[in-house]
């Protein structure tokens, strides 16, 4: 089991380091929450590397450092939540006070103080306290994410997932403490093995989400767009030009049919202009939002398919038009046409013989 634990920690360390570098070095994520998330993953990477040294080489200093750094995990996660839903747009010097318990644990363990025996309980207490602080922020926190517009739901789901991971971390620490009090060596701890495996799976999933620019992570780019929202408003002529360019690209590439859809940030990269300008142009010229425009394009394509393909199943037609769920398809189709897709097809079939 010891060899398996070492391999899991080493894999997790490498993945966390990649995530940390991605969030800290990205020029497209120059916002405080992204930087704080990068710091969190840097701490995770260091924790896992130290675990490799503890379980693989038995280094005492690595164990001392790991215990001290464990005391920073709760504050680091809490700072990240504060930057998103706590209204903290900048780092405050008083945040450093939250790191004092970590320094205390380091001194106690390094000097072999009798109080060092309380280290595990202090870590458990730290996790519990900051989990409570985090949950308090989450209550009603969704309303404070409304500035992210269509990305608010994805951002809140991500924060809920992180809170669940914090809770799992607390449970694992309590389990490890119980095993240690029962005389089970750390190298034979099922709590450590399963906990490390769960966190490795989570880090791998996060890395894949970042690489695929999945909605659960894509919302972070909306933060960058909000930071740039103070750019000079575009003129009517500029808005018309941007909208015409976007409309041409959408129709030529049929972007509304792209699997998973196209985001405002991706649109900005396609036209090589700030995403905020595209949003302004669509709102001003089209009179609707970015997502509404794409849904209108999908409904238009669905109308054509319903008229030209009377035998095509509705589900197949829906996917062909670019919709991913039947409920959204029916809702948007009714909003635009005032009819359900099946009623629209019947109406089109009734009109067609008359025209013939």
Foldseek 3Di string as FASTA:
>chain_A
DLVLLLVLLQLLLVLLLVQLCCLCVDPLQPFDLSNLVSVLSNLSNLLSVLVNCCSVVVDLLSVLLNLLSLQCNLLSLLVSLCCQQVPDRDDDPCSVVSSVVSVVLSVCSVVVPPCVVCSLVSSLVSLVVSLVVLVVSLVVSLVSNCVLPVLSVLQSVLSVVVSVLSVLVSVLSVQVVVCVVVVHDPSRDPSSSVNSVVSSVVSVVVSVCVVVCASSPVSSSSVSLVVVLPPDQDDLVLLVVLQVVLVVVCVVVVQLLDVNGADLCNSCVVVVHRSNSPQNSCCVPVVDGPVLVSLVQLLVQLLVCLLPPVPDDPVVSSSRSRDDDPVVNQVSNCVVPVDGSVVSSVVSVVVVVVVD
